[in-house]
């Protein structure tokens, strides 16, 4: 939410799309609402469990006003990255997502743990388990590398200028 607010500092309201069936949805919603309060931005929470819910949310007649969209981190949404990116663009809605597939499909920005680091750690865990390690004895892993991608083609399409300090923080810029 903060990255989106840095690109759209004059926006008064953002929407946040979450899947209420995701066990992390409540925590994610609370974090976005807290970030919104801190930035002085109202947050409209949108919930989608399935494609029918998404169709309703993004229908041309849907009347939710927002300067930008934060898409929650959820496997259901990841599987629909291209659909979500296209739907956000049809609404001329700048959006940020927690998976690189979204920006590759035309979304404005994505911010998430580096997938290569996660895959590496999964291999380490597998090796420890194959050597007889008990799952309860495995160390807790938290990613230390974030991946921040900005799609400048989408920014241009939306008529946005991404501030230089945001571009400088990006690990990848799509042109």
N, C-alpha and C. Protein backbone atom coordinates (compact mmCIF):
# COMPACT_ATOMS: atom_id res chain seq x y z
N UNK A 1 0.83 -1.18 0.00
CA UNK A 1 0.00 0.00 0.00
C UNK A 1 0.87 1.24 0.00
N UNK A 2 1.95 1.22 0.74
CA UNK A 2 2.83 2.38 0.84
C UNK A 2 3.46 2.71 -0.51
N UNK A 3 3.90 1.70 -1.26
CA UNK A 3 4.49 1.95 -2.57
C UNK A 3 3.47 2.60 -3.50
N UNK A 4 2.25 2.12 -3.47
CA UNK A 4 1.20 2.68 -4.31
C UNK A 4 0.93 4.13 -3.91
N UNK A 5 0.91 4.39 -2.62
CA UNK A 5 0.69 5.75 -2.14
C UNK A 5 1.83 6.68 -2.56
N UNK A 6 3.06 6.18 -2.60
CA UNK A 6 4.18 7.00 -3.05
C UNK A 6 4.05 7.38 -4.53
N UNK A 7 3.45 6.52 -5.32
CA UNK A 7 3.24 6.81 -6.74
C UNK A 7 2.00 7.70 -6.93
N UNK A 8 1.03 7.55 -6.03
CA UNK A 8 -0.24 8.29 -6.12
C UNK A 8 -0.48 9.08 -4.83
N UNK A 9 0.36 10.06 -4.52
CA UNK A 9 0.26 10.74 -3.22
C UNK A 9 -1.02 11.54 -3.02
N UNK A 10 -1.72 11.88 -4.10
CA UNK A 10 -2.94 12.68 -3.97
C UNK A 10 -4.20 11.81 -3.87
N UNK A 11 -4.07 10.50 -4.01
CA UNK A 11 -5.24 9.62 -3.94
C UNK A 11 -5.79 9.61 -2.52
N UNK A 12 -7.10 9.72 -2.42
CA UNK A 12 -7.75 9.75 -1.11
C UNK A 12 -8.25 8.38 -0.67
N UNK A 13 -8.42 7.47 -1.65
CA UNK A 13 -8.94 6.14 -1.32
C UNK A 13 -8.30 5.09 -2.22
N UNK A 14 -7.96 3.97 -1.61
CA UNK A 14 -7.49 2.79 -2.33
C UNK A 14 -8.45 1.65 -2.02
N UNK A 15 -8.46 0.67 -2.90
CA UNK A 15 -9.20 -0.56 -2.66
C UNK A 15 -8.19 -1.65 -2.36
N UNK A 16 -8.60 -2.62 -1.57
CA UNK A 16 -7.76 -3.78 -1.26
C UNK A 16 -8.59 -5.03 -1.53
N UNK A 17 -8.09 -5.87 -2.40
CA UNK A 17 -8.77 -7.11 -2.77
C UNK A 17 -8.15 -8.27 -2.01
N UNK A 18 -8.98 -8.95 -1.23
CA UNK A 18 -8.50 -10.12 -0.49
C UNK A 18 -9.43 -11.29 -0.74
N UNK A 19 -8.91 -12.49 -0.48
CA UNK A 19 -9.70 -13.71 -0.53
C UNK A 19 -10.00 -14.08 0.92
N UNK A 20 -11.27 -13.95 1.37
CA UNK A 20 -11.58 -14.20 2.77
C UNK A 20 -11.38 -15.64 3.21
N UNK A 21 -11.21 -16.56 2.26
CA UNK A 21 -10.96 -17.95 2.65
C UNK A 21 -9.49 -18.22 2.93
N UNK A 22 -8.63 -17.26 2.63
CA UNK A 22 -7.20 -17.39 2.90
C UNK A 22 -6.97 -17.20 4.40
N UNK A 23 -6.24 -18.09 5.05
CA UNK A 23 -6.00 -17.97 6.49
C UNK A 23 -5.28 -16.67 6.88
N UNK A 24 -4.55 -16.07 5.95
CA UNK A 24 -3.83 -14.83 6.24
C UNK A 24 -4.62 -13.58 5.87
N UNK A 25 -5.83 -13.73 5.37
CA UNK A 25 -6.60 -12.58 4.88
C UNK A 25 -6.85 -11.54 5.96
N UNK A 26 -7.19 -11.96 7.15
CA UNK A 26 -7.49 -11.01 8.22
C UNK A 26 -6.25 -10.19 8.59
N UNK A 27 -5.13 -10.85 8.73
CA UNK A 27 -3.88 -10.14 9.07
C UNK A 27 -3.50 -9.20 7.93
N UNK A 28 -3.62 -9.67 6.71
CA UNK A 28 -3.29 -8.84 5.55
C UNK A 28 -4.19 -7.61 5.50
N UNK A 29 -5.49 -7.80 5.73
CA UNK A 29 -6.43 -6.69 5.72
C UNK A 29 -6.08 -5.68 6.82
N UNK A 30 -5.77 -6.18 8.01
CA UNK A 30 -5.41 -5.29 9.11
C UNK A 30 -4.16 -4.48 8.78
N UNK A 31 -3.17 -5.12 8.14
CA UNK A 31 -1.94 -4.42 7.77
C UNK A 31 -2.21 -3.33 6.74
N UNK A 32 -3.04 -3.61 5.75
CA UNK A 32 -3.36 -2.62 4.73
C UNK A 32 -4.16 -1.47 5.35
N UNK A 33 -5.12 -1.79 6.21
CA UNK A 33 -5.90 -0.74 6.87
C UNK A 33 -5.01 0.15 7.74
N UNK A 34 -4.06 -0.46 8.45
CA UNK A 34 -3.13 0.31 9.28
C UNK A 34 -2.25 1.21 8.42
N UNK A 35 -1.76 0.69 7.31
CA UNK A 35 -0.94 1.50 6.40
C UNK A 35 -1.77 2.64 5.81
N UNK A 36 -3.02 2.37 5.52
CA UNK A 36 -3.92 3.42 5.02
C UNK A 36 -4.13 4.52 6.04
N UNK A 37 -4.35 4.14 7.30
CA UNK A 37 -4.51 5.14 8.35
C UNK A 37 -3.26 5.99 8.48
N UNK A 38 -2.10 5.34 8.45
CA UNK A 38 -0.83 6.04 8.58
C UNK A 38 -0.61 7.03 7.44
N UNK A 39 -1.06 6.67 6.24
CA UNK A 39 -0.88 7.53 5.07
C UNK A 39 -2.03 8.52 4.90
N UNK A 40 -3.08 8.38 5.71
CA UNK A 40 -4.23 9.26 5.58
C UNK A 40 -5.10 8.92 4.38
N UNK A 41 -5.12 7.64 4.02
CA UNK A 41 -5.88 7.16 2.87
C UNK A 41 -6.96 6.20 3.35
N UNK A 42 -8.17 6.37 2.84
CA UNK A 42 -9.24 5.42 3.16
C UNK A 42 -9.04 4.16 2.33
N UNK A 43 -9.40 3.02 2.94
CA UNK A 43 -9.27 1.73 2.26
C UNK A 43 -10.65 1.10 2.13
N UNK A 44 -11.01 0.74 0.92
CA UNK A 44 -12.25 0.00 0.65
C UNK A 44 -11.87 -1.45 0.48
N UNK A 45 -12.35 -2.31 1.37
CA UNK A 45 -12.04 -3.74 1.31
C UNK A 45 -12.98 -4.44 0.33
N UNK A 46 -12.40 -5.21 -0.59
CA UNK A 46 -13.15 -6.01 -1.55
C UNK A 46 -12.79 -7.47 -1.31
N UNK A 47 -13.79 -8.35 -1.38
CA UNK A 47 -13.54 -9.77 -1.12
C UNK A 47 -13.96 -10.61 -2.32
N UNK A 48 -13.08 -11.52 -2.70
CA UNK A 48 -13.38 -12.44 -3.80
C UNK A 48 -12.92 -13.83 -3.43
N UNK A 49 -13.83 -14.78 -3.47
CA UNK A 49 -13.54 -16.19 -3.19
C UNK A 49 -13.38 -17.00 -4.48
N UNK A 50 -13.98 -16.48 -5.55
CA UNK A 50 -14.02 -17.24 -6.81
C UNK A 50 -14.12 -16.28 -7.99
N UNK A 51 -14.13 -16.84 -9.18
CA UNK A 51 -14.17 -16.00 -10.38
C UNK A 51 -15.46 -15.20 -10.47
N UNK A 52 -16.56 -15.76 -10.03
CA UNK A 52 -17.83 -15.01 -10.06
C UNK A 52 -17.73 -13.75 -9.21
N UNK A 53 -17.09 -13.85 -8.05
CA UNK A 53 -16.89 -12.66 -7.20
C UNK A 53 -16.02 -11.63 -7.92
N UNK A 54 -14.95 -12.09 -8.57
CA UNK A 54 -14.08 -11.17 -9.31
C UNK A 54 -14.84 -10.50 -10.45
N UNK A 55 -15.66 -11.27 -11.17
CA UNK A 55 -16.44 -10.71 -12.27
C UNK A 55 -17.35 -9.61 -11.76
N UNK A 56 -17.95 -9.82 -10.61
CA UNK A 56 -18.85 -8.82 -10.02
C UNK A 56 -18.08 -7.58 -9.59
N UNK A 57 -16.94 -7.78 -8.96
CA UNK A 57 -16.13 -6.66 -8.48
C UNK A 57 -15.66 -5.79 -9.64
N UNK A 58 -15.24 -6.42 -10.74
CA UNK A 58 -14.69 -5.68 -11.87
C UNK A 58 -15.71 -5.42 -12.98
N UNK A 59 -16.98 -5.69 -12.73
CA UNK A 59 -18.01 -5.41 -13.73
C UNK A 59 -18.04 -3.91 -14.03
N UNK A 60 -18.33 -3.55 -15.28
CA UNK A 60 -18.37 -2.12 -15.62
C UNK A 60 -19.35 -1.34 -14.75
N UNK A 61 -20.38 -1.99 -14.27
CA UNK A 61 -21.38 -1.30 -13.43
C UNK A 61 -20.97 -1.21 -11.96
N UNK A 62 -19.91 -1.90 -11.57
CA UNK A 62 -19.47 -1.86 -10.17
C UNK A 62 -19.09 -0.43 -9.80
N UNK A 63 -19.60 0.02 -8.68
CA UNK A 63 -19.43 1.43 -8.32
C UNK A 63 -18.57 1.59 -7.08
N UNK A 64 -17.34 1.11 -7.13
CA UNK A 64 -16.40 1.38 -6.04
C UNK A 64 -15.35 2.32 -6.59
N UNK A 65 -15.15 3.38 -5.89
CA UNK A 65 -14.20 4.40 -6.32
C UNK A 65 -12.89 4.21 -5.58
N UNK A 66 -11.79 4.23 -6.31
CA UNK A 66 -10.48 4.10 -5.69
C UNK A 66 -9.42 4.69 -6.61
N UNK A 67 -8.41 5.26 -6.00
CA UNK A 67 -7.29 5.79 -6.77
C UNK A 67 -6.31 4.72 -7.16
N UNK A 68 -6.34 3.58 -6.48
CA UNK A 68 -5.44 2.48 -6.74
C UNK A 68 -5.94 1.22 -6.08
N UNK A 69 -5.33 0.10 -6.41
CA UNK A 69 -5.75 -1.20 -5.91
C UNK A 69 -4.57 -1.98 -5.36
N UNK A 70 -4.75 -2.54 -4.18
CA UNK A 70 -3.78 -3.46 -3.59
C UNK A 70 -4.41 -4.84 -3.68
N UNK A 71 -3.74 -5.78 -4.33
CA UNK A 71 -4.26 -7.13 -4.47
C UNK A 71 -3.56 -8.02 -3.46
N UNK A 72 -4.34 -8.69 -2.62
CA UNK A 72 -3.80 -9.55 -1.58
C UNK A 72 -3.00 -10.72 -2.13
N UNK A 73 -2.13 -11.23 -1.29
CA UNK A 73 -1.28 -12.37 -1.65
C UNK A 73 -2.08 -13.65 -1.46
N UNK A 74 -2.48 -14.26 -2.56
CA UNK A 74 -3.33 -15.44 -2.49
C UNK A 74 -3.13 -16.27 -3.76
N UNK A 75 -3.06 -17.58 -3.62
CA UNK A 75 -2.86 -18.47 -4.77
C UNK A 75 -3.96 -18.30 -5.82
N UNK A 76 -5.19 -18.09 -5.37
CA UNK A 76 -6.31 -17.87 -6.29
C UNK A 76 -6.03 -16.65 -7.17
N UNK A 77 -5.53 -15.57 -6.58
CA UNK A 77 -5.22 -14.36 -7.34
C UNK A 77 -3.98 -14.55 -8.22
N UNK A 78 -2.99 -15.26 -7.71
CA UNK A 78 -1.79 -15.51 -8.51
C UNK A 78 -2.17 -16.25 -9.80
N UNK A 79 -3.07 -17.20 -9.69
CA UNK A 79 -3.52 -17.94 -10.87
C UNK A 79 -4.31 -17.09 -11.85
N UNK A 80 -4.72 -15.92 -11.42
CA UNK A 80 -5.48 -15.01 -12.28
C UNK A 80 -4.75 -13.68 -12.48
N UNK A 81 -3.43 -13.73 -12.40
CA UNK A 81 -2.63 -12.50 -12.53
C UNK A 81 -2.93 -11.75 -13.81
N UNK A 82 -2.95 -12.45 -14.93
CA UNK A 82 -3.20 -11.79 -16.21
C UNK A 82 -4.61 -11.19 -16.24
N UNK A 83 -5.58 -11.92 -15.74
CA UNK A 83 -6.96 -11.43 -15.71
C UNK A 83 -7.05 -10.19 -14.81
N UNK A 84 -6.43 -10.25 -13.65
CA UNK A 84 -6.47 -9.11 -12.72
C UNK A 84 -5.76 -7.89 -13.30
N UNK A 85 -4.60 -8.11 -13.92
CA UNK A 85 -3.87 -6.99 -14.52
C UNK A 85 -4.70 -6.34 -15.62
N UNK A 86 -5.30 -7.14 -16.48
CA UNK A 86 -6.13 -6.61 -17.57
C UNK A 86 -7.36 -5.89 -17.01
N UNK A 87 -7.96 -6.44 -15.99
CA UNK A 87 -9.15 -5.83 -15.39
C UNK A 87 -8.81 -4.49 -14.74
N UNK A 88 -7.67 -4.42 -14.07
CA UNK A 88 -7.24 -3.16 -13.45
C UNK A 88 -6.97 -2.12 -14.55
N UNK A 89 -6.33 -2.53 -15.64
CA UNK A 89 -6.06 -1.60 -16.73
C UNK A 89 -7.34 -1.10 -17.39
N UNK A 90 -8.33 -2.00 -17.56
CA UNK A 90 -9.61 -1.58 -18.14
C UNK A 90 -10.27 -0.50 -17.29
N UNK A 91 -10.07 -0.55 -15.98
CA UNK A 91 -10.62 0.46 -15.08
C UNK A 91 -9.66 1.65 -14.92
N UNK A 92 -8.54 1.63 -15.63
CA UNK A 92 -7.49 2.66 -15.50
C UNK A 92 -7.07 2.78 -14.04
N UNK A 93 -6.86 1.63 -13.43
CA UNK A 93 -6.60 1.55 -12.00
C UNK A 93 -5.18 1.08 -11.73
N UNK A 94 -4.31 1.94 -11.20
CA UNK A 94 -2.97 1.50 -10.82
C UNK A 94 -3.08 0.44 -9.72
N UNK A 95 -2.32 -0.64 -9.84
CA UNK A 95 -2.45 -1.73 -8.88
C UNK A 95 -1.08 -2.31 -8.52
N UNK A 96 -1.00 -2.80 -7.28
CA UNK A 96 0.19 -3.47 -6.78
C UNK A 96 -0.22 -4.85 -6.29
N UNK A 97 0.66 -5.83 -6.52
CA UNK A 97 0.36 -7.22 -6.21
C UNK A 97 1.59 -7.86 -5.60
N UNK A 98 1.42 -8.97 -4.97
CA UNK A 98 2.52 -9.65 -4.28
C UNK A 98 3.11 -10.80 -5.09
N UNK A 99 3.09 -10.68 -6.42
CA UNK A 99 3.68 -11.74 -7.23
C UNK A 99 4.13 -11.17 -8.56
N UNK A 100 5.30 -11.57 -9.02
CA UNK A 100 5.89 -11.04 -10.24
C UNK A 100 5.05 -11.31 -11.48
N UNK A 101 4.23 -12.37 -11.49
CA UNK A 101 3.41 -12.68 -12.66
C UNK A 101 2.44 -11.54 -12.98
N UNK A 102 2.07 -10.78 -11.98
CA UNK A 102 1.14 -9.67 -12.16
C UNK A 102 1.78 -8.56 -13.00
N UNK A 103 2.99 -8.15 -12.67
CA UNK A 103 3.65 -7.10 -13.45
C UNK A 103 4.03 -7.60 -14.84
N UNK A 104 4.40 -8.87 -14.93
CA UNK A 104 4.70 -9.45 -16.24
C UNK A 104 3.47 -9.42 -17.14
N UNK A 105 2.28 -9.51 -16.54
CA UNK A 105 1.03 -9.51 -17.29
C UNK A 105 0.48 -8.11 -17.53
N UNK A 106 1.16 -7.08 -17.02
CA UNK A 106 0.71 -5.72 -17.27
C UNK A 106 0.28 -4.95 -16.03
N UNK A 107 0.41 -5.54 -14.85
CA UNK A 107 0.12 -4.81 -13.62
C UNK A 107 1.19 -3.76 -13.39
N UNK A 108 0.88 -2.74 -12.59
CA UNK A 108 1.81 -1.63 -12.39
C UNK A 108 3.03 -2.02 -11.57
N UNK A 109 2.81 -2.65 -10.39
CA UNK A 109 3.92 -2.98 -9.51
C UNK A 109 3.67 -4.30 -8.79
N UNK A 110 4.77 -4.95 -8.41
CA UNK A 110 4.67 -6.12 -7.53
C UNK A 110 5.80 -6.04 -6.51
N UNK A 111 5.49 -6.54 -5.34
CA UNK A 111 6.47 -6.54 -4.25
C UNK A 111 6.28 -7.83 -3.47
N UNK A 112 7.34 -8.63 -3.40
CA UNK A 112 7.23 -9.93 -2.74
C UNK A 112 8.61 -10.45 -2.39
N UNK A 113 8.61 -11.55 -1.65
CA UNK A 113 9.87 -12.24 -1.37
C UNK A 113 10.46 -12.72 -2.69
N UNK A 114 11.77 -12.76 -2.76
CA UNK A 114 12.46 -13.22 -3.95
C UNK A 114 12.19 -14.71 -4.14
N UNK A 115 11.57 -15.11 -5.26
CA UNK A 115 11.23 -16.53 -5.45
C UNK A 115 12.45 -17.44 -5.51
N UNK A 116 13.56 -16.95 -6.05
CA UNK A 116 14.76 -17.78 -6.12
C UNK A 116 15.25 -18.13 -4.72
N UNK A 117 15.19 -17.17 -3.82
CA UNK A 117 15.59 -17.43 -2.44
C UNK A 117 14.64 -18.45 -1.79
N UNK A 118 13.35 -18.32 -2.06
CA UNK A 118 12.37 -19.26 -1.50
C UNK A 118 12.58 -20.68 -2.04
N UNK A 119 12.86 -20.79 -3.34
CA UNK A 119 13.10 -22.12 -3.93
C UNK A 119 14.37 -22.74 -3.35
N UNK A 120 15.39 -21.92 -3.19
CA UNK A 120 16.63 -22.41 -2.59
C UNK A 120 16.36 -22.94 -1.19
N UNK A 121 15.62 -22.19 -0.40
CA UNK A 121 15.35 -22.61 0.97
C UNK A 121 14.50 -23.88 1.00
N UNK A 122 13.57 -24.02 0.05
CA UNK A 122 12.78 -25.25 -0.03
C UNK A 122 13.69 -26.44 -0.30
N UNK A 123 14.70 -26.25 -1.15
CA UNK A 123 15.67 -27.32 -1.40
C UNK A 123 16.48 -27.67 -0.16
N UNK A 124 16.89 -26.64 0.59
CA UNK A 124 17.63 -26.88 1.84
C UNK A 124 16.77 -27.67 2.81
N UNK A 125 15.51 -27.26 2.97
CA UNK A 125 14.60 -27.98 3.88
C UNK A 125 14.42 -29.43 3.44
N UNK A 126 14.25 -29.62 2.12
CA UNK A 126 14.07 -30.98 1.61
C UNK A 126 15.29 -31.83 1.91
N UNK A 127 16.47 -31.26 1.71
CA UNK A 127 17.71 -31.98 2.01
C UNK A 127 17.79 -32.36 3.48
N UNK A 128 17.45 -31.44 4.36
CA UNK A 128 17.47 -31.73 5.79
C UNK A 128 16.48 -32.83 6.15
N UNK A 129 15.29 -32.78 5.53
CA UNK A 129 14.27 -33.80 5.81
C UNK A 129 14.71 -35.16 5.28
N UNK A 130 15.32 -35.19 4.09
CA UNK A 130 15.79 -36.46 3.52
C UNK A 130 16.93 -37.07 4.33
N UNK A 131 17.65 -36.24 5.04
CA UNK A 131 18.73 -36.74 5.90
C UNK A 131 18.22 -37.14 7.28
N UNK A 132 16.90 -37.14 7.44
CA UNK A 132 16.32 -37.61 8.70
C UNK A 132 15.93 -36.51 9.68
N UNK A 133 16.06 -35.27 9.28
CA UNK A 133 15.68 -34.17 10.17
C UNK A 133 14.18 -34.16 10.43
N UNK A 134 13.82 -33.90 11.67
CA UNK A 134 12.40 -33.81 12.02
C UNK A 134 11.89 -32.41 11.70
N UNK A 135 10.71 -32.31 11.11
CA UNK A 135 10.17 -30.98 10.78
C UNK A 135 10.16 -30.02 11.98
N UNK A 136 9.88 -30.53 13.15
CA UNK A 136 9.84 -29.66 14.32
C UNK A 136 11.22 -29.12 14.71
N UNK A 137 12.28 -29.77 14.21
CA UNK A 137 13.64 -29.32 14.52
C UNK A 137 14.23 -28.39 13.45
N UNK A 138 13.51 -28.24 12.33
CA UNK A 138 14.03 -27.38 11.26
C UNK A 138 13.93 -25.91 11.68
N UNK A 139 14.92 -25.13 11.31
CA UNK A 139 14.90 -23.71 11.68
C UNK A 139 13.80 -22.97 10.92
N UNK A 140 13.31 -21.91 11.52
CA UNK A 140 12.32 -21.07 10.85
C UNK A 140 13.07 -20.18 9.86
N UNK A 141 12.54 -20.10 8.66
CA UNK A 141 13.16 -19.30 7.62
C UNK A 141 12.28 -18.10 7.30
N UNK A 142 12.87 -16.93 7.24
CA UNK A 142 12.17 -15.74 6.79
C UNK A 142 12.99 -15.10 5.70
N UNK A 143 12.36 -14.84 4.59
CA UNK A 143 13.06 -14.26 3.44
C UNK A 143 13.67 -12.91 3.81
N UNK A 144 14.88 -12.70 3.34
CA UNK A 144 15.57 -11.43 3.56
C UNK A 144 15.71 -10.64 2.28
N UNK A 145 15.31 -11.22 1.18
CA UNK A 145 15.44 -10.55 -0.11
C UNK A 145 14.06 -10.29 -0.70
N UNK A 146 13.77 -9.04 -0.94
CA UNK A 146 12.50 -8.67 -1.57
C UNK A 146 12.72 -8.42 -3.05
N UNK A 147 11.68 -8.61 -3.80
CA UNK A 147 11.70 -8.36 -5.23
C UNK A 147 10.63 -7.31 -5.52
N UNK A 148 11.05 -6.16 -6.01
CA UNK A 148 10.14 -5.06 -6.31
C UNK A 148 10.24 -4.76 -7.80
N UNK A 149 9.14 -4.96 -8.52
CA UNK A 149 9.13 -4.79 -9.97
C UNK A 149 8.14 -3.69 -10.34
N UNK A 150 8.56 -2.81 -11.23
CA UNK A 150 7.72 -1.73 -11.73
C UNK A 150 7.58 -1.89 -13.23
N UNK A 151 6.35 -1.81 -13.71
CA UNK A 151 6.08 -1.91 -15.15
C UNK A 151 5.87 -0.49 -15.68
N UNK A 152 6.91 0.08 -16.31
CA UNK A 152 6.82 1.45 -16.83
C UNK A 152 5.89 1.58 -18.03
N UNK A 153 5.72 0.50 -18.79
CA UNK A 153 4.77 0.54 -19.90
C UNK A 153 3.36 0.77 -19.36
N UNK A 154 3.03 0.08 -18.29
CA UNK A 154 1.71 0.25 -17.66
C UNK A 154 1.59 1.64 -17.06
N UNK A 155 2.65 2.12 -16.41
CA UNK A 155 2.62 3.47 -15.85
C UNK A 155 2.32 4.49 -16.95
N UNK A 156 2.98 4.34 -18.09
CA UNK A 156 2.76 5.25 -19.22
C UNK A 156 1.31 5.16 -19.71
N UNK A 157 0.81 3.94 -19.84
CA UNK A 157 -0.57 3.73 -20.28
C UNK A 157 -1.56 4.41 -19.33
N UNK A 158 -1.26 4.38 -18.04
CA UNK A 158 -2.13 4.99 -17.04
C UNK A 158 -1.88 6.49 -16.87
N UNK A 159 -0.88 7.01 -17.58
CA UNK A 159 -0.57 8.43 -17.47
C UNK A 159 0.14 8.79 -16.18
N UNK A 160 0.87 7.83 -15.62
CA UNK A 160 1.57 8.05 -14.35
C UNK A 160 3.06 8.28 -14.58
N UNK A 161 3.62 9.09 -13.72
CA UNK A 161 5.06 9.25 -13.67
C UNK A 161 5.51 8.62 -12.36
N UNK A 162 6.30 7.57 -12.46
CA UNK A 162 6.80 6.90 -11.26
C UNK A 162 7.99 7.72 -10.75
N UNK A 163 7.92 8.16 -9.49
CA UNK A 163 9.01 8.99 -8.96
C UNK A 163 10.36 8.28 -9.03
N UNK A 164 11.43 9.06 -9.29
CA UNK A 164 12.77 8.46 -9.41
C UNK A 164 13.19 7.65 -8.18
N UNK A 165 12.80 8.08 -6.97
CA UNK A 165 13.19 7.32 -5.78
C UNK A 165 12.52 5.96 -5.74
N UNK A 166 11.33 5.84 -6.30
CA UNK A 166 10.65 4.53 -6.38
C UNK A 166 11.37 3.66 -7.41
N UNK A 167 11.71 4.23 -8.55
CA UNK A 167 12.42 3.46 -9.58
C UNK A 167 13.78 3.00 -9.07
N UNK A 168 14.43 3.84 -8.28
CA UNK A 168 15.75 3.48 -7.73
C UNK A 168 15.66 2.29 -6.77
N UNK A 169 14.51 2.12 -6.13
CA UNK A 169 14.32 1.01 -5.18
C UNK A 169 13.94 -0.28 -5.89
N UNK A 170 13.52 -0.19 -7.15
CA UNK A 170 13.06 -1.37 -7.89
C UNK A 170 14.22 -2.31 -8.19
N UNK A 171 13.96 -3.60 -8.02
CA UNK A 171 14.96 -4.59 -8.41
C UNK A 171 14.88 -4.89 -9.90
N UNK A 172 13.72 -4.56 -10.50
CA UNK A 172 13.54 -4.76 -11.94
C UNK A 172 12.54 -3.72 -12.45
N UNK A 173 12.84 -3.15 -13.59
CA UNK A 173 11.93 -2.20 -14.25
C UNK A 173 11.61 -2.76 -15.62
N UNK A 174 10.32 -2.99 -15.86
CA UNK A 174 9.88 -3.49 -17.17
C UNK A 174 9.55 -2.32 -18.07
N UNK A 175 10.09 -2.34 -19.28
CA UNK A 175 9.86 -1.22 -20.23
C UNK A 175 9.15 -1.72 -21.46
